[in-house]
PDB file of N, CA and C in Angstrom:
ATOM      1  N   MET A   1     -76.446 -10.084 112.610  1.00  0.00           N
ATOM      2  CA  MET A   1     -77.292 -11.182 112.194  1.00  0.00           C
ATOM      3  C   MET A   1     -76.447 -12.346 111.666  1.00  0.00           C
ATOM      4  N   GLY A   2     -75.432 -12.011 110.850  1.00  0.00           N
ATOM      5  CA  GLY A   2     -74.577 -13.053 110.301  1.00  0.00           C
ATOM      6  C   GLY A   2     -73.799 -13.779 111.381  1.00  0.00           C
ATOM      7  N   LEU A   3     -73.370 -13.024 112.409  1.00  0.00           N
ATOM      8  CA  LEU A   3     -72.639 -13.647 113.508  1.00  0.00           C
ATOM      9  C   LEU A   3     -73.542 -14.595 114.277  1.00  0.00           C
ATOM     10  N   LEU A   4     -74.803 -14.216 114.449  1.00  0.00           N
ATOM     11  CA  LEU A   4     -75.752 -15.081 115.131  1.00  0.00           C
ATOM     12  C   LEU A   4     -75.962 -16.379 114.354  1.00  0.00           C
ATOM     13  N   ILE A   5     -76.077 -16.272 113.036  1.00  0.00           N
ATOM     14  CA  ILE A   5     -76.236 -17.464 112.199  1.00  0.00           C
ATOM     15  C   ILE A   5     -74.994 -18.338 112.293  1.00  0.00           C
ATOM     16  N   GLU A   6     -73.810 -17.714 112.274  1.00  0.00           N
ATOM     17  CA  GLU A   6     -72.557 -18.470 112.364  1.00  0.00           C
ATOM     18  C   GLU A   6     -72.454 -19.197 113.700  1.00  0.00           C
ATOM     19  N   LEU A   7     -72.802 -18.527 114.785  1.00  0.00           N
ATOM     20  CA  LEU A   7     -72.733 -19.171 116.099  1.00  0.00           C
ATOM     21  C   LEU A   7     -73.726 -20.323 116.209  1.00  0.00           C
ATOM     22  N   LYS A   8     -74.944 -20.129 115.694  1.00  0.00           N
ATOM     23  CA  LYS A   8     -75.925 -21.219 115.718  1.00  0.00           C
ATOM     24  C   LYS A   8     -75.460 -22.379 114.848  1.00  0.00           C
ATOM     25  N   GLU A   9     -74.853 -22.074 113.705  1.00  0.00           N
ATOM     26  CA  GLU A   9     -74.367 -23.140 112.832  1.00  0.00           C
ATOM     27  C   GLU A   9     -73.274 -23.944 113.516  1.00  0.00           C
ATOM     28  N   GLN A  10     -72.351 -23.262 114.175  1.00  0.00           N
ATOM     29  CA  GLN A  10     -71.276 -23.966 114.870  1.00  0.00           C
ATOM     30  C   GLN A  10     -71.837 -24.829 115.996  1.00  0.00           C
ATOM     31  N   ALA A  11     -72.785 -24.278 116.761  1.00  0.00           N
ATOM     32  CA  ALA A  11     -73.315 -25.008 117.905  1.00  0.00           C
ATOM     33  C   ALA A  11     -74.211 -26.171 117.490  1.00  0.00           C
ATOM     34  N   LEU A  12     -75.026 -25.971 116.467  1.00  0.00           N
ATOM     35  CA  LEU A  12     -76.009 -26.988 116.114  1.00  0.00           C
ATOM     36  C   LEU A  12     -75.507 -28.017 115.105  1.00  0.00           C
ATOM     37  N   TYR A  13     -74.540 -27.646 114.278  1.00  0.00           N
ATOM     38  CA  TYR A  13     -74.110 -28.561 113.233  1.00  0.00           C
ATOM     39  C   TYR A  13     -72.713 -29.100 113.506  1.00  0.00           C
ATOM     40  N   TYR A  14     -71.725 -28.228 113.511  1.00  0.00           N
ATOM     41  CA  TYR A  14     -70.352 -28.700 113.595  1.00  0.00           C
ATOM     42  C   TYR A  14     -69.992 -29.228 114.976  1.00  0.00           C
ATOM     43  N   CYS A  15     -70.563 -28.672 116.010  1.00  0.00           N
ATOM     44  CA  CYS A  15     -70.221 -29.118 117.359  1.00  0.00           C
ATOM     45  C   CYS A  15     -70.846 -30.471 117.687  1.00  0.00           C
ATOM     46  N   THR A  16     -72.012 -30.742 117.156  1.00  0.00           N
ATOM     47  CA  THR A  16     -72.685 -32.005 117.495  1.00  0.00           C
ATOM     48  C   THR A  16     -72.029 -33.208 116.838  1.00  0.00           C
ATOM     49  N   ILE A  17     -71.408 -33.026 115.693  1.00  0.00           N
ATOM     50  CA  ILE A  17     -70.794 -34.154 114.989  1.00  0.00           C
ATOM     51  C   ILE A  17     -69.638 -34.761 115.781  1.00  0.00           C
ATOM     52  N   PRO A  18     -68.647 -33.963 116.221  1.00  0.00           N
ATOM     53  CA  PRO A  18     -67.559 -34.593 116.987  1.00  0.00           C
ATOM     54  C   PRO A  18     -68.036 -35.233 118.281  1.00  0.00           C
ATOM     55  N   TYR A  19     -68.956 -34.583 118.991  1.00  0.00           N
ATOM     56  CA  TYR A  19     -69.438 -35.160 120.238  1.00  0.00           C
ATOM     57  C   TYR A  19     -70.297 -36.398 119.994  1.00  0.00           C
ATOM     58  N   GLY A  20     -71.036 -36.398 118.902  1.00  0.00           N
ATOM     59  CA  GLY A  20     -71.817 -37.578 118.562  1.00  0.00           C
ATOM     60  C   GLY A  20     -70.931 -38.758 118.178  1.00  0.00           C
ATOM     61  N   LEU A  21     -69.831 -38.483 117.489  1.00  0.00           N
ATOM     62  CA  LEU A  21     -68.925 -39.557 117.096  1.00  0.00           C
ATOM     63  C   LEU A  21     -68.216 -40.174 118.290  1.00  0.00           C
ATOM     64  N   ARG A  22     -68.088 -39.429 119.371  1.00  0.00           N
ATOM     65  CA  ARG A  22     -67.454 -39.974 120.568  1.00  0.00           C
ATOM     66  C   ARG A  22     -68.302 -41.069 121.207  1.00  0.00           C
ATOM     67  N   ARG A  23     -69.590 -41.079 120.936  1.00  0.00           N
ATOM     68  CA  ARG A  23     -70.497 -42.022 121.576  1.00  0.00           C
ATOM     69  C   ARG A  23     -70.646 -43.344 120.811  1.00  0.00           C
ATOM     70  N   PHE A  24     -70.042 -43.454 119.650  1.00  0.00           N
ATOM     71  CA  PHE A  24     -70.116 -44.700 118.894  1.00  0.00           C
ATOM     72  C   PHE A  24     -69.321 -45.788 119.589  1.00  0.00           C
ATOM     73  N   SER A  25     -69.724 -47.006 119.365  1.00  0.00           N
ATOM     74  CA  SER A  25     -68.939 -48.114 119.892  1.00  0.00           C
ATOM     75  C   SER A  25     -67.644 -48.221 119.079  1.00  0.00           C
ATOM     76  N   PRO A  26     -66.597 -48.760 119.652  1.00  0.00           N
ATOM     77  CA  PRO A  26     -65.305 -48.812 118.965  1.00  0.00           C
ATOM     78  C   PRO A  26     -65.330 -49.551 117.628  1.00  0.00           C
ATOM     79  N   SER A  27     -66.235 -50.504 117.451  1.00  0.00           N
ATOM     80  CA  SER A  27     -66.248 -51.244 116.185  1.00  0.00           C
ATOM     81  C   SER A  27     -66.737 -50.375 115.024  1.00  0.00           C
ATOM     82  N   TYR A  28     -67.628 -49.416 115.287  1.00  0.00           N
ATOM     83  CA  TYR A  28     -68.130 -48.536 114.236  1.00  0.00           C
ATOM     84  C   TYR A  28     -67.304 -47.276 114.079  1.00  0.00           C
ATOM     85  N   LEU A  29     -66.403 -47.021 115.018  1.00  0.00           N
ATOM     86  CA  LEU A  29     -65.686 -45.756 115.049  1.00  0.00           C
ATOM     87  C   LEU A  29     -64.819 -45.487 113.821  1.00  0.00           C
ATOM     88  N   PRO A  30     -63.979 -46.409 113.345  1.00  0.00           N
ATOM     89  CA  PRO A  30     -63.123 -46.071 112.206  1.00  0.00           C
ATOM     90  C   PRO A  30     -63.900 -45.684 110.948  1.00  0.00           C
ATOM     91  N   SER A  31     -64.952 -46.395 110.609  1.00  0.00           N
ATOM     92  CA  SER A  31     -65.672 -46.070 109.375  1.00  0.00           C
ATOM     93  C   SER A  31     -66.416 -44.750 109.509  1.00  0.00           C
ATOM     94  N   SER A  32     -67.002 -44.477 110.675  1.00  0.00           N
ATOM     95  CA  SER A  32     -67.716 -43.210 110.845  1.00  0.00           C
ATOM     96  C   SER A  32     -66.747 -42.039 110.863  1.00  0.00           C
ATOM     97  N   LEU A  33     -65.560 -42.233 111.415  1.00  0.00           N
ATOM     98  CA  LEU A  33     -64.579 -41.146 111.413  1.00  0.00           C
ATOM     99  C   LEU A  33     -64.016 -40.904 110.022  1.00  0.00           C
ATOM    100  N   ASP A  34     -63.869 -41.952 109.235  1.00  0.00           N
ATOM    101  CA  ASP A  34     -63.437 -41.755 107.849  1.00  0.00           C
ATOM    102  C   ASP A  34     -64.455 -40.920 107.083  1.00  0.00           C
ATOM    103  N   ILE A  35     -65.721 -41.199 107.315  1.00  0.00           N
ATOM    104  CA  ILE A  35     -66.777 -40.411 106.672  1.00  0.00           C
ATOM    105  C   ILE A  35     -66.708 -38.966 107.151  1.00  0.00           C
ATOM    106  N   TYR A  36     -66.523 -38.772 108.465  1.00  0.00           N
ATOM    107  CA  TYR A  36     -66.433 -37.410 108.997  1.00  0.00           C
ATOM    108  C   TYR A  36     -65.240 -36.672 108.411  1.00  0.00           C
ATOM    109  N   PHE A  37     -64.072 -37.302 108.364  1.00  0.00           N
ATOM    110  CA  PHE A  37     -62.885 -36.644 107.818  1.00  0.00           C
ATOM    111  C   PHE A  37     -63.071 -36.307 106.347  1.00  0.00           C
ATOM    112  N   PHE A  38     -63.731 -37.167 105.596  1.00  0.00           N
ATOM    113  CA  PHE A  38     -63.976 -36.911 104.180  1.00  0.00           C
ATOM    114  C   PHE A  38     -64.851 -35.668 104.001  1.00  0.00           C
ATOM    115  N   PHE A  39     -66.005 -35.646 104.669  1.00  0.00           N
ATOM    116  CA  PHE A  39     -66.922 -34.525 104.487  1.00  0.00           C
ATOM    117  C   PHE A  39     -66.403 -33.241 105.114  1.00  0.00           C
ATOM    118  N   CYS A  40     -65.761 -33.344 106.259  1.00  0.00           N
ATOM    119  CA  CYS A  40     -65.203 -32.149 106.889  1.00  0.00           C
ATOM    120  C   CYS A  40     -64.063 -31.585 106.044  1.00  0.00           C
ATOM    121  N   GLY A  41     -63.299 -32.445 105.422  1.00  0.00           N
ATOM    122  CA  GLY A  41     -62.232 -31.975 104.527  1.00  0.00           C
ATOM    123  C   GLY A  41     -62.786 -31.207 103.340  1.00  0.00           C
ATOM    124  N   TRP A  42     -63.892 -31.701 102.767  1.00  0.00           N
ATOM    125  CA  TRP A  42     -64.516 -30.976 101.654  1.00  0.00           C
ATOM    126  C   TRP A  42     -65.110 -29.653 102.109  1.00  0.00           C
ATOM    127  N   HIS A  43     -65.697 -29.614 103.300  1.00  0.00           N
ATOM    128  CA  HIS A  43     -66.198 -28.347 103.834  1.00  0.00           C
ATOM    129  C   HIS A  43     -65.055 -27.357 104.015  1.00  0.00           C
ATOM    130  N   LEU A  44     -63.923 -27.850 104.503  1.00  0.00           N
ATOM    131  CA  LEU A  44     -62.764 -26.984 104.713  1.00  0.00           C
ATOM    132  C   LEU A  44     -62.222 -26.458 103.385  1.00  0.00           C
ATOM    133  N   LEU A  45     -62.133 -27.312 102.385  1.00  0.00           N
ATOM    134  CA  LEU A  45     -61.673 -26.860 101.071  1.00  0.00           C
ATOM    135  C   LEU A  45     -62.632 -25.851 100.448  1.00  0.00           C
ATOM    136  N   PHE A  46     -63.931 -26.069 100.621  1.00  0.00           N
ATOM    137  CA  PHE A  46     -64.902 -25.112 100.090  1.00  0.00           C
ATOM    138  C   PHE A  46     -64.786 -23.769 100.798  1.00  0.00           C
ATOM    139  N   SER A  47     -64.543 -23.781 102.104  1.00  0.00           N
ATOM    140  CA  SER A  47     -64.358 -22.528 102.831  1.00  0.00           C
ATOM    141  C   SER A  47     -63.142 -21.767 102.318  1.00  0.00           C
ATOM    142  N   VAL A  48     -62.047 -22.474 102.084  1.00  0.00           N
ATOM    143  CA  VAL A  48     -60.841 -21.829 101.543  1.00  0.00           C
ATOM    144  C   VAL A  48     -61.125 -21.263 100.158  1.00  0.00           C
ATOM    145  N   TYR A  49     -61.848 -22.001  99.342  1.00  0.00           N
ATOM    146  CA  TYR A  49     -62.229 -21.548  98.004  1.00  0.00           C
ATOM    147  C   TYR A  49     -63.057 -20.268  98.076  1.00  0.00           C
ATOM    148  N   MET A  50     -63.990 -20.204  99.012  1.00  0.00           N
ATOM    149  CA  MET A  50     -64.830 -19.014  99.158  1.00  0.00           C
ATOM    150  C   MET A  50     -64.055 -17.851  99.769  1.00  0.00           C
ATOM    151  N   ILE A  51     -63.100 -18.118 100.635  1.00  0.00           N
ATOM    152  CA  ILE A  51     -62.273 -17.046 101.220  1.00  0.00           C
ATOM    153  C   ILE A  51     -61.434 -16.392 100.137  1.00  0.00           C
ATOM    154  N   ILE A  52     -60.881 -17.187  99.235  1.00  0.00           N
ATOM    155  CA  ILE A  52     -60.042 -16.643  98.158  1.00  0.00           C
ATOM    156  C   ILE A  52     -60.867 -15.756  97.242  1.00  0.00           C
ATOM    157  N   GLY A  53     -62.036 -16.199  96.829  1.00  0.00           N
ATOM    158  CA  GLY A  53     -62.929 -15.381  96.014  1.00  0.00           C
ATOM    159  C   GLY A  53     -62.491 -15.220  94.572  1.00  0.00           C
ATOM    160  N   ILE A  54     -62.315 -16.320  93.882  1.00  0.00           N
ATOM    161  CA  ILE A  54     -61.890 -16.304  92.484  1.00  0.00           C
ATOM    162  C   ILE A  54     -62.976 -15.631  91.641  1.00  0.00           C
ATOM    163  N   PRO A  55     -62.614 -14.692  90.771  1.00  0.00           N
ATOM    164  CA  PRO A  55     -63.614 -13.994  89.961  1.00  0.00           C
ATOM    165  C   PRO A  55     -64.429 -14.946  89.078  1.00  0.00           C
ATOM    166  N   SER A  56     -65.668 -14.584  88.841  1.00  0.00           N
ATOM    167  CA  SER A  56     -66.625 -15.316  87.995  1.00  0.00           C
ATOM    168  C   SER A  56     -66.998 -16.684  88.537  1.00  0.00           C
ATOM    169  N   THR A  57     -66.892 -16.860  89.855  1.00  0.00           N
ATOM    170  CA  THR A  57     -67.291 -18.130  90.451  1.00  0.00           C
ATOM    171  C   THR A  57     -68.452 -17.974  91.419  1.00  0.00           C
ATOM    172  N   GLY A  58     -68.891 -16.753  91.660  1.00  0.00           N
ATOM    173  CA  GLY A  58     -69.994 -16.523  92.573  1.00  0.00           C
ATOM    174  C   GLY A  58     -69.579 -16.347  94.011  1.00  0.00           C
ATOM    175  N   SER A  59     -68.291 -16.339  94.292  1.00  0.00           N
ATOM    176  CA  SER A  59     -67.834 -16.132  95.659  1.00  0.00           C
ATOM    177  C   SER A  59     -67.443 -14.669  95.856  1.00  0.00           C
ATOM    178  N   ALA A  60     -67.607 -14.188  97.071  1.00  0.00           N
ATOM    179  CA  ALA A  60     -67.281 -12.796  97.377  1.00  0.00           C
ATOM    180  C   ALA A  60     -66.116 -12.781  98.358  1.00  0.00           C
ATOM    181  N   GLY A  61     -65.006 -13.346  97.960  1.00  0.00           N
ATOM    182  CA  GLY A  61     -63.855 -13.447  98.846  1.00  0.00           C
ATOM    183  C   GLY A  61     -62.909 -12.275  98.724  1.00  0.00           C
ATOM    184  N   ILE A  62     -61.681 -12.508  99.083  1.00  0.00           N
ATOM    185  CA  ILE A  62     -60.673 -11.453  99.154  1.00  0.00           C
ATOM    186  C   ILE A  62     -60.380 -10.857  97.782  1.00  0.00           C
ATOM    187  N   ILE A  63     -60.182 -11.691  96.778  1.00  0.00           N
ATOM    188  CA  ILE A  63     -59.858 -11.179  95.443  1.00  0.00           C
ATOM    189  C   ILE A  63     -61.003 -10.319  94.915  1.00  0.00           C
ATOM    190  N   GLN A  64     -62.234 -10.780  95.064  1.00  0.00           N
ATOM    191  CA  GLN A  64     -63.382 -10.007  94.612  1.00  0.00           C
ATOM    192  C   GLN A  64     -63.521  -8.705  95.389  1.00  0.00           C
ATOM    193  N   SER A  65     -63.258  -8.729  96.689  1.00  0.00           N
ATOM    194  CA  SER A  65     -63.364  -7.523  97.508  1.00  0.00           C
ATOM    195  C   SER A  65     -62.344  -6.480  97.084  1.00  0.00           C
ATOM    196  N   VAL A  66     -61.114  -6.902  96.880  1.00  0.00           N
ATOM    197  CA  VAL A  66     -60.079  -5.971  96.435  1.00  0.00           C
ATOM    198  C   VAL A  66     -60.418  -5.421  95.056  1.00  0.00           C
ATOM    199  N   SER A  67     -60.921  -6.272  94.193  1.00  0.00           N
ATOM    200  CA  SER A  67     -61.315  -5.843  92.857  1.00  0.00           C
ATOM    201  C   SER A  67     -62.416  -4.789  92.910  1.00  0.00           C
ATOM    202  N   MET A  68     -63.421  -5.016  93.756  1.00  0.00           N
ATOM    203  CA  MET A  68     -64.522  -4.052  93.882  1.00  0.00           C
ATOM    204  C   MET A  68     -64.038  -2.738  94.487  1.00  0.00           C
ATOM    205  N   LEU A  69     -63.191  -2.818  95.499  1.00  0.00           N
ATOM    206  CA  LEU A  69     -62.683  -1.595  96.120  1.00  0.00           C
ATOM    207  C   LEU A  69     -61.786  -0.807  95.172  1.00  0.00           C
ATOM    208  N   SER A  70     -61.009  -1.503  94.342  1.00  0.00           N
ATOM    209  CA  SER A  70     -60.128  -0.800  93.400  1.00  0.00           C
ATOM    210  C   SER A  70     -60.914  -0.132  92.278  1.00  0.00           C
ATOM    211  N   ARG A  71     -62.125  -0.640  91.986  1.00  0.00           N
ATOM    212  CA  ARG A  71     -62.976  -0.025  90.970  1.00  0.00           C
ATOM    213  C   ARG A  71     -63.960   0.970  91.580  1.00  0.00           C
ATOM    214  N   HIS A  72     -63.724   1.333  92.850  1.00  0.00           N
ATOM    215  CA  HIS A  72     -64.521   2.329  93.573  1.00  0.00           C
ATOM    216  C   HIS A  72     -65.975   1.899  93.775  1.00  0.00           C
ATOM    217  N   HIS A  73     -66.211   0.602  93.880  1.00  0.00           N
ATOM    218  CA  HIS A  73     -67.516   0.071  94.277  1.00  0.00           C
ATOM    219  C   HIS A  73     -67.416  -0.240  95.772  1.00  0.00           C
ATOM    220  N   ILE A  74     -67.527   0.813  96.577  1.00  0.00           N
ATOM    221  CA  ILE A  74     -67.250   0.715  98.007  1.00  0.00           C
ATOM    222  C   ILE A  74     -68.219  -0.239  98.717  1.00  0.00           C
ATOM    223  N   PHE A  75     -69.513  -0.111  98.447  1.00  0.00           N
ATOM    224  CA  PHE A  75     -70.500  -0.950  99.125  1.00  0.00           C
ATOM    225  C   PHE A  75     -70.287  -2.432  98.808  1.00  0.00           C
ATOM    226  N   ALA A  76     -70.047  -2.743  97.554  1.00  0.00           N
ATOM    227  CA  ALA A  76     -69.799  -4.138  97.170  1.00  0.00           C
ATOM    228  C   ALA A  76     -68.504  -4.654  97.807  1.00  0.00           C
ATOM    229  N   GLY A  77     -67.495  -3.788  97.899  1.00  0.00           N
ATOM    230  CA  GLY A  77     -66.241  -4.188  98.533  1.00  0.00           C
ATOM    231  C   GLY A  77     -66.412  -4.468 100.011  1.00  0.00           C
ATOM    232  N   ILE A  78     -67.218  -3.630 100.682  1.00  0.00           N
ATOM    233  CA  ILE A  78     -67.465  -3.847 102.112  1.00  0.00           C
ATOM    234  C   ILE A  78     -68.253  -5.136 102.336  1.00  0.00           C
ATOM    235  N   LEU A  79     -69.252  -5.389 101.501  1.00  0.00           N
ATOM    236  CA  LEU A  79     -69.986  -6.656 101.616  1.00  0.00           C
ATOM    237  C   LEU A  79     -69.063  -7.853 101.369  1.00  0.00           C
ATOM    238  N   GLY A  80     -68.150  -7.717 100.420  1.00  0.00           N
ATOM    239  CA  GLY A  80     -67.180  -8.784 100.170  1.00  0.00           C
ATOM    240  C   GLY A  80     -66.263  -9.016 101.353  1.00  0.00           C
ATOM    241  N   ILE A  81     -65.884  -7.932 102.031  1.00  0.00           N
ATOM    242  CA  ILE A  81     -65.041  -8.067 103.225  1.00  0.00           C
ATOM    243  C   ILE A  81     -65.799  -8.799 104.318  1.00  0.00           C
ATOM    244  N   PHE A  82     -67.086  -8.432 104.518  1.00  0.00           N
ATOM    245  CA  PHE A  82     -67.897  -9.139 105.512  1.00  0.00           C
ATOM    246  C   PHE A  82     -68.046 -10.620 105.158  1.00  0.00           C
ATOM    247  N   ALA A  83     -68.245 -10.913 103.884  1.00  0.00           N
ATOM    248  CA  ALA A  83     -68.359 -12.313 103.455  1.00  0.00           C
ATOM    249  C   ALA A  83     -67.044 -13.057 103.699  1.00  0.00           C
ATOM    250  N   SER A  84     -65.925 -12.406 103.410  1.00  0.00           N
ATOM    251  CA  SER A  84     -64.615 -13.035 103.638  1.00  0.00           C
ATOM    252  C   SER A  84     -64.398 -13.329 105.114  1.00  0.00           C
ATOM    253  N   ILE A  85     -64.791 -12.376 105.963  1.00  0.00           N
ATOM    254  CA  ILE A  85     -64.654 -12.587 107.409  1.00  0.00           C
ATOM    255  C   ILE A  85     -65.531 -13.756 107.857  1.00  0.00           C
ATOM    256  N   GLY A  86     -66.756 -13.820 107.353  1.00  0.00           N
ATOM    257  CA  GLY A  86     -67.644 -14.926 107.714  1.00  0.00           C
ATOM    258  C   GLY A  86     -67.103 -16.277 107.272  1.00  0.00           C
ATOM    259  N   TRP A  87     -66.617 -16.363 106.036  1.00  0.00           N
ATOM    260  CA  TRP A  87     -66.058 -17.625 105.555  1.00  0.00           C
ATOM    261  C   TRP A  87     -64.798 -17.994 106.324  1.00  0.00           C
ATOM    262  N   THR A  88     -64.013 -16.983 106.724  1.00  0.00           N
ATOM    263  CA  THR A  88     -62.807 -17.259 107.507  1.00  0.00           C
ATOM    264  C   THR A  88     -63.184 -17.810 108.880  1.00  0.00           C
ATOM    265  N   LEU A  89     -64.192 -17.206 109.523  1.00  0.00           N
ATOM    266  CA  LEU A  89     -64.637 -17.728 110.816  1.00  0.00           C
ATOM    267  C   LEU A  89     -65.144 -19.159 110.693  1.00  0.00           C
ATOM    268  N   GLN A  90     -65.904 -19.428 109.648  1.00  0.00           N
ATOM    269  CA  GLN A  90     -66.406 -20.783 109.446  1.00  0.00           C
ATOM    270  C   GLN A  90     -65.244 -21.750 109.185  1.00  0.00           C
ATOM    271  N   GLY A  91     -64.284 -21.354 108.361  1.00  0.00           N
ATOM    272  CA  GLY A  91     -63.145 -22.218 108.080  1.00  0.00           C
ATOM    273  C   GLY A  91     -62.324 -22.514 109.322  1.00  0.00           C
ATOM    274  N   VAL A  92     -62.124 -21.503 110.165  1.00  0.00           N
ATOM    275  CA  VAL A  92     -61.375 -21.714 111.409  1.00  0.00           C
ATOM    276  C   VAL A  92     -62.150 -22.641 112.345  1.00  0.00           C
ATOM    277  N   GLY A  93     -63.471 -22.447 112.414  1.00  0.00           N
ATOM    278  CA  GLY A  93     -64.287 -23.330 113.254  1.00  0.00           C
ATOM    279  C   GLY A  93     -64.237 -24.770 112.778  1.00  0.00           C
ATOM    280  N   ILE A  94     -64.335 -24.971 111.483  1.00  0.00           N
ATOM    281  CA  ILE A  94     -64.256 -26.326 110.928  1.00  0.00           C
ATOM    282  C   ILE A  94     -62.889 -26.937 111.211  1.00  0.00           C
ATOM    283  N   LEU A  95     -61.840 -26.131 111.067  1.00  0.00           N
ATOM    284  CA  LEU A  95     -60.483 -26.628 111.317  1.00  0.00           C
ATOM    285  C   LEU A  95     -60.300 -27.020 112.785  1.00  0.00           C
ATOM    286  N   ILE A  96     -60.876 -26.244 113.685  1.00  0.00           N
ATOM    287  CA  ILE A  96     -60.776 -26.576 115.114  1.00  0.00           C
ATOM    288  C   ILE A  96     -61.460 -27.906 115.400  1.00  0.00           C
ATOM    289  N   TYR A  97     -62.675 -28.087 114.881  1.00  0.00           N
ATOM    290  CA  TYR A  97     -63.381 -29.354 115.105  1.00  0.00           C
ATOM    291  C   TYR A  97     -62.682 -30.515 114.409  1.00  0.00           C
ATOM    292  N   TYR A  98     -62.136 -30.284 113.239  1.00  0.00           N
ATOM    293  CA  TYR A  98     -61.412 -31.319 112.506  1.00  0.00           C
ATOM    294  C   TYR A  98     -60.219 -31.797 113.334  1.00  0.00           C
ATOM    295  N   ARG A  99     -59.455 -30.838 113.882  1.00  0.00           N
ATOM    296  CA  ARG A  99     -58.287 -31.198 114.690  1.00  0.00           C
ATOM    297  C   ARG A  99     -58.710 -31.878 115.988  1.00  0.00           C
ATOM    298  N   MET A 100     -59.837 -31.428 116.578  1.00  0.00           N
ATOM    299  CA  MET A 100     -60.313 -32.024 117.817  1.00  0.00           C
ATOM    300  C   MET A 100     -60.699 -33.492 117.598  1.00  0.00           C
ATOM    301  N   VAL A 101     -61.413 -33.773 116.521  1.00  0.00           N
ATOM    302  CA  VAL A 101     -61.810 -35.155 116.242  1.00  0.00           C
ATOM    303  C   VAL A 101     -60.585 -35.990 115.901  1.00  0.00           C
ATOM    304  N   ARG A 102     -59.657 -35.460 115.127  1.00  0.00           N
ATOM    305  CA  ARG A 102     -58.443 -36.209 114.786  1.00  0.00           C
ATOM    306  C   ARG A 102     -57.639 -36.533 116.031  1.00  0.00           C
ATOM    307  N   ARG A 103     -57.530 -35.568 116.949  1.00  0.00           N
ATOM    308  CA  ARG A 103     -56.793 -35.809 118.192  1.00  0.00           C
ATOM    309  C   ARG A 103     -57.477 -36.900 119.010  1.00  0.00           C
ATOM    310  N   ASP A 104     -58.812 -36.821 119.150  1.00  0.00           N
ATOM    311  CA  ASP A 104     -59.534 -37.839 119.906  1.00  0.00           C
ATOM    312  C   ASP A 104     -59.444 -39.197 119.232  1.00  0.00           C
ATOM    313  N   PHE A 105     -59.468 -39.219 117.904  1.00  0.00           N
ATOM    314  CA  PHE A 105     -59.367 -40.485 117.186  1.00  0.00           C
ATOM    315  C   PHE A 105     -57.993 -41.114 117.401  1.00  0.00           C
ATOM    316  N   SER A 106     -56.920 -40.307 117.403  1.00  0.00           N
ATOM    317  CA  SER A 106     -55.589 -40.872 117.625  1.00  0.00           C
ATOM    318  C   SER A 106     -55.453 -41.376 119.059  1.00  0.00           C
ATOM    319  N   VAL A 107     -56.116 -40.727 120.005  1.00  0.00           N
ATOM    320  CA  VAL A 107     -56.101 -41.210 121.388  1.00  0.00           C
ATOM    321  C   VAL A 107     -56.846 -42.533 121.479  1.00  0.00           C
ATOM    322  N   GLN A 108     -57.973 -42.657 120.768  1.00  0.00           N
ATOM    323  CA  GLN A 108     -58.749 -43.892 120.812  1.00  0.00           C
ATOM    324  C   GLN A 108     -58.034 -45.025 120.092  1.00  0.00           C
ATOM    325  N   GLU A 109     -57.321 -44.703 119.020  1.00  0.00           N
ATOM    326  CA  GLU A 109     -56.572 -45.745 118.306  1.00  0.00           C
ATOM    327  C   GLU A 109     -55.467 -46.320 119.160  1.00  0.00           C
ATOM    328  N   SER A 110     -54.861 -45.486 120.009  1.00  0.00           N
ATOM    329  CA  SER A 110     -53.771 -45.973 120.840  1.00  0.00           C
ATOM    330  C   SER A 110     -54.274 -46.785 122.028  1.00  0.00           C
ATOM    331  N   GLY A 111     -55.586 -46.848 122.214  1.00  0.00           N
ATOM    332  CA  GLY A 111     -56.145 -47.654 123.296  1.00  0.00           C
ATOM    333  C   GLY A 111     -56.325 -46.889 124.583  1.00  0.00           C
ATOM    334  N   ILE A 112     -56.050 -45.605 124.577  1.00  0.00           N
ATOM    335  CA  ILE A 112     -56.203 -44.792 125.781  1.00  0.00           C
ATOM    336  C   ILE A 112     -57.575 -44.142 125.723  1.00  0.00           C
ATOM    337  N   TRP A 113     -58.438 -44.513 126.637  1.00  0.00           N
ATOM    338  CA  TRP A 113     -59.787 -43.935 126.685  1.00  0.00           C
ATOM    339  C   TRP A 113     -59.854 -42.965 127.847  1.00  0.00           C
ATOM    340  N   ARG A 114     -60.387 -41.815 127.610  1.00  0.00           N
ATOM    341  CA  ARG A 114     -60.516 -40.822 128.656  1.00  0.00           C
ATOM    342  C   ARG A 114     -61.696 -41.142 129.553  1.00  0.00           C
ATOM    343  N   GLU A 115     -61.609 -40.701 130.789  1.00  0.00           N
ATOM    344  CA  GLU A 115     -62.668 -40.969 131.765  1.00  0.00           C
ATOM    345  C   GLU A 115     -63.914 -40.130 131.494  1.00  0.00           C
ATOM    346  N   GLU A 116     -63.790 -39.005 130.790  1.00  0.00           N
ATOM    347  CA  GLU A 116     -64.923 -38.117 130.576  1.00  0.00           C
ATOM    348  C   GLU A 116     -65.934 -38.669 129.602  1.00  0.00           C
ATOM    349  N   ARG A 117     -65.641 -39.741 128.906  1.00  0.00           N
ATOM    350  CA  ARG A 117     -66.568 -40.283 127.908  1.00  0.00           C
ATOM    351  C   ARG A 117     -67.590 -41.147 128.550  1.00  0.00           C
TER     352      ARG A 117
END
């Protein structure tokens, strides 16, 4: 179920933003990409924060999972591992889209426009 939600989130939210930004006219492109880089950067930092799982912050990341497993709370540790895997998948997906938009933006800044647009 979680994988299905993750795939729908990637397809409906993160994937549409880079493709939508490609359709802007060049005059609006720099400001919209700055906004995208700002918000995508915060999403990426939040994903890293949740993957780490600092105690007493409400995240179920790696530190919390190891802590639960070491205290013999097996079920909580397994749920923490699943949460860590989910946040890692989301972070990798965000990073892929972030790099894709940055690459396309650098191509557009240099004046080289691809034929596929």
